[in-house]
């Protein structure tokens, strides 16, 4: 017979967590609704200020406290894609797709809830609706067949989303906006043999090469450039401090009626001993004038830097180089090719990131060094996962601490707590502790990514996504579930150790109550906190007022919009999805809480990504397929747990059925990896070459053999297109003309993906992604701006280390009505460019900007 106290505690813990987090969510939402119209810099900076390009500036949301949700949620795909980029769009799609999966999973309630709730083990509360209450093994068949239905549906949804991702990504990358980008035409090769570090020799490998950037060891130059940057910022800060001191002294003198001989000279108000001073030689050295010192050092450093920049080609080359191609087609051919006959040479190759995304320190790694460092970083992370299990297990123990009181009498006082407080201790407290434990890891994992040899921001985030998800799965799910189950059965295990496995299996479903609390905490607080943006509010209004003393810092704080770090954001929700999937059949009620959590998060992130945040460095949506494949973890865990429960309950027929389901999941997972693993990382050739075989496209500008070898041999030699291609060509051109700014698009080979099936029936459209989510249909979802080419400057140092082409920075100081700032500008004229445009002082003598930064 079940312990009624334990069950009531478990249910009360969930209720306490639900009520407390609902109140917190309500407070967050109320704060957001009250403040969003007044503090537009926090809640709608993209639509309220000129901080983003015009095409990225959305229409303001309605002021109505409810209608803005409906306006936001009815925005078309093209709008979301334009505002959020591919990474943001697919993140939002993951949230809503998972929410719909959970909503569809609630259909299993029709079968599972009556089976679980009636004629069972006498459990109460939420435990009555879970597998823990099932007494007869014959009832296990309901769970076995429902797992087939539900998990099979999830696998189909993963396939459908992978198909759609591949289609939309290819359509976006082949659009004029992306195809013409420098990042789409530049490939990084590592472990380059010495022979090919010579630009002339490398030209022999590929056609269509425009420029080669050999990564060189310019450490001394880079150090000098950093020094110059720091000295320039020091000069800017000192000059601003001097002007502020002068304004305050002038205001004080005017108030006292004091007259000075030369009011146009700031030294009349700020004596020499009050000017900004610095100890150049260390703590025991004499203080010297900061401004004069900085001017002198800038002259010296600038001369040294210019000398080093003139001879940078003599620097020792590293074993990496960037190759800029004339078009995207040539770059993709090089990226997808096996180039060298020796192993681990000219590999790995990367494409699709900007110069600002590169980690230049990792350009020098040899193949053996990269392998070793990746192994060391992985070993450290695995060790951390193992040892981190100790505090996480302690959190799991707390969630079932009431079961320990029988063997640990000194904990008996806990049972005397009021039900609501006991619910806080066993429900809310453990989930908060677990969340806090998980928040300090991302920085460490990103540091390991650098050690592992990640070459760009995108690859660091990709590495972080993999490791952080593994960490969350082990420590916030597996360890917690086992610790919670073991604690719930600790007394029985001590009395009868031989029954440990049976007891653990019997108590596993009851641990779902902890994860329901965890879902509520994560879903409600993440959604509410994301909307209210209390951290952003604090950083902008409080920390900014305390730390930002120069115009550069103030403008940077105002214009620098936030971005989402996908390497840690995606795993949070992938982990929640996996947890919900794992318990979906064992404790079906978790689907409701999972659905609500993901829907709330979808609304919050839709608002923030569209109206508050700018895009992080573009990873071209590649976090999405990784998240979809990681979601399989939830399917495996759910099916393995069911298999174990069936074995313990001796439902051998259900064991066989569940084993079949598990094998089917493995089969689908493996074949989806084979089908989409490489396809989602490259741009296929038929998405770049023309349908007629002879035209130039935005991705392909070379000569084609099709005309000379096929068309010119046709009868009459006057054909410009094959007869069998004419109908397809006309159809594609007609569809392109229907797209905004699509009239100049050249039809591609991939556009020929016609299907005869046409239907407005939602079910037919749902089960035929090959028809309704293919490349041709996905092009209709692309924003109109993607069909226009960007102006790309021809920069001969684009992918050289920044220090090679670094210029003296420009300084920005506040303007004053007495001509002091103009005098400082003149004094610095021969050394460094300084401006006081769009600036001034407030009545309290605080520097202010009145327009865009002139820097």
Foldseek 3Di string as FASTA:
>chain_A
DDDQVLLLLLQLLLVLLLVVLVVVLVVLLVLLLVCCVPPVLFFFVLQPDPLDPPQLHDHDADNPSPVSLVVLVPDFLQLLCSNQPQQLSLLLVVLQLLLVLLVVLCVLCVLQQVQQQPPFDPRDDLNSRFLLGHDDLVSLVSLLVSLLVSVVVLLLSLVLVLQLLLQLLLLLCLFQANFQDQLLQKKKWFQADPQCLDPVSVPVQFPQFDFKFFAFPPVVLVVLVVVLVVLVVLLQLQLQVLLLQLVVQVVVCVVVVHDFDCNLASCRRQPPVRRDWDAPVDDPGDIDHSNVVSLVSLVVSVVVNVVCLVCVVVGGTARMMMTGGPTSLRRQCVQPDDGDPDPPHRDDMDGRFFLVFWDSVLRRDHSVQLVVLLVVLVVVLVVCLVVLLVVLLVLLLQLSVVLCCVVVVVPVVLVVDPSSVSSCRNAVVSLVVVVVSLPVPLVVQLVSQVSSRDTGLLSSLVSLLVSSLVSCCRRVPVSSLQSNQCSNCVVVCVVPVVCSLLSSLSSSLSSVSNLLSNLSNQLSCVLSCLSSVPVLVCCQPPVCVVPPFFPVSNQCNSSVFAEDSNSNPLSVLLSNSLSCLLCCSRSVVSSVSNSNSSVSNSSSSSSCSSRTHHYDGDPSNVVSSVSSLSNLNSSLNNLVSSLSSSVSSVSVVSNVSSVVVNVVSVVSSVVSCVVSVVSSRGNDPQSQAFLQQADHFSRGDDGGCCLVPPQCPPPPSPDSGDPVSVVVQVVLCVLLVVAQLSNPGGHTSQLSLADPDDDPDPVVLVSCCSHCSRNNNSSNSHHNCSNDYDDDDDDSCRNHPCSSPDDSDEHEHADEPSCNVVVVQVVCVVRHHYDHPQWHADPSSRIDGRDDDPD
